[in-house]
Amino acid sequence: MRPEQTVREMAQEVLLRQARARARLTEEPLAEALEAVLETPAGTQLGELRRGAHREEEALYWQANMLFERVSEQAGHPIKPGPGAKRPLPNVT
């Protein structure tokens, strides 16, 4: 991840890396490999991230907020998003 990289850029980078790996293994065209990756559960989540409400946030900031929310929930003090806020998707790696 690069400094100031957006969630959209991070998700796109991961999807392309997975698609390239699949294309090398299966010898299918990159576009077809990307479509296959997007059909997996992880690929679906990454696709939603790249189009979602948090897509223009800096990825490091978004991940830090995710961590804070998870720790708060585990401690029994869940954070409630503000009005109109959408819950972010879980981190997929």
Protein backbone atom coordinates (compact mmCIF):
# COMPACT_ATOMS: atom_id res chain seq x y z
CA MET A 1 0.00 0.00 0.00
CA ARG A 2 1.21 3.48 -0.86
CA PRO A 3 0.80 6.58 1.31
CA GLU A 4 -2.38 8.46 0.40
CA GLN A 5 -3.66 5.49 -1.64
CA THR A 6 -7.46 5.46 -1.73
CA VAL A 7 -9.62 2.48 -0.84
CA ARG A 8 -10.64 2.29 -4.51
CA GLU A 9 -7.01 2.17 -5.66
CA MET A 10 -6.12 -0.44 -3.04
CA ALA A 11 -9.06 -2.66 -4.03
CA GLN A 12 -8.25 -2.31 -7.74
CA GLU A 13 -4.60 -3.18 -7.10
CA VAL A 14 -5.54 -6.34 -5.20
CA LEU A 15 -8.07 -7.40 -7.85
CA LEU A 16 -5.53 -6.95 -10.65
CA ARG A 17 -2.85 -8.85 -8.72
CA GLN A 18 -5.25 -11.76 -8.19
CA ALA A 19 -6.38 -11.66 -11.83
CA ARG A 20 -2.77 -11.69 -13.11
CA ALA A 21 -1.98 -14.69 -10.90
CA ARG A 22 -5.08 -16.52 -12.15
CA ALA A 23 -4.28 -15.66 -15.79
CA ARG A 24 -0.76 -17.09 -15.38
CA LEU A 25 -2.10 -20.31 -13.88
CA THR A 26 -5.01 -20.85 -16.24
CA GLU A 27 -3.58 -19.17 -19.37
CA GLU A 28 -6.87 -17.30 -19.83
CA PRO A 29 -6.92 -13.64 -20.94
CA LEU A 30 -6.53 -11.08 -18.16
CA ALA A 31 -10.05 -9.70 -18.69
CA GLU A 32 -11.57 -13.16 -18.23
CA ALA A 33 -9.40 -13.81 -15.18
CA LEU A 34 -10.56 -10.52 -13.65
CA GLU A 35 -14.21 -11.44 -14.24
CA ALA A 36 -13.62 -14.81 -12.55
CA VAL A 37 -11.92 -13.13 -9.58
CA LEU A 38 -14.85 -10.69 -9.24
CA GLU A 39 -17.23 -13.67 -8.98
CA THR A 40 -15.51 -15.03 -5.85
CA PRO A 41 -16.70 -13.89 -2.39
CA ALA A 42 -13.48 -11.93 -1.79
CA GLY A 43 -13.59 -10.46 -5.29
CA THR A 44 -17.19 -9.39 -4.76
CA GLN A 45 -16.22 -7.57 -1.55
CA LEU A 46 -13.27 -5.89 -3.25
CA GLY A 47 -15.51 -4.84 -6.14
CA GLU A 48 -17.95 -3.31 -3.65
CA LEU A 49 -15.09 -1.51 -1.92
CA ARG A 50 -13.89 0.02 -5.14
CA ARG A 51 -17.40 1.38 -5.87
CA GLY A 52 -18.58 1.99 -2.29
CA ALA A 53 -19.03 4.97 -0.05
CA HIS A 54 -15.45 4.79 1.25
CA ARG A 55 -13.75 4.53 -2.14
CA GLU A 56 -12.16 7.98 -1.99
CA GLU A 57 -10.93 7.71 1.61
CA GLU A 58 -7.26 7.12 2.18
CA ALA A 59 -6.88 3.39 2.70
CA LEU A 60 -4.68 3.76 5.80
CA TYR A 61 -7.29 6.00 7.45
CA TRP A 62 -10.12 3.62 6.50
CA GLN A 63 -8.23 0.60 7.84
CA ALA A 64 -7.45 2.40 11.10
CA ASN A 65 -11.15 3.20 11.53
CA MET A 66 -12.03 -0.45 10.82
CA LEU A 67 -9.57 -1.60 13.48
CA PHE A 68 -10.97 0.90 16.00
CA GLU A 69 -14.53 -0.30 15.34
CA ARG A 70 -13.56 -3.97 15.69
CA VAL A 71 -11.68 -3.42 18.94
CA SER A 72 -14.56 -1.34 20.31
CA GLU A 73 -17.05 -4.08 19.44
CA GLN A 74 -14.86 -6.77 21.01
CA ALA A 75 -14.60 -4.67 24.17
CA GLY A 76 -18.38 -4.48 24.33
CA HIS A 77 -18.57 -0.80 23.35
CA PRO A 78 -19.62 -0.80 19.69
CA ILE A 79 -19.26 2.45 17.80
CA LYS A 80 -22.46 3.61 16.15
CA PRO A 81 -21.98 5.26 12.73
CA GLY A 82 -23.50 8.69 12.28
CA PRO A 83 -26.75 9.26 10.38
CA GLY A 84 -26.51 8.15 6.77
CA ALA A 85 -23.14 6.45 7.29
CA LYS A 86 -22.68 3.04 5.74
CA ARG A 87 -20.83 0.30 7.58
CA PRO A 88 -17.52 -0.48 5.87
CA LEU A 89 -16.86 -3.95 4.52
CA PRO A 90 -14.45 -6.23 6.36
CA ASN A 91 -10.81 -6.20 5.34
CA VAL A 92 -10.14 -8.95 2.79
CA THR A 93 -6.63 -10.14 2.24
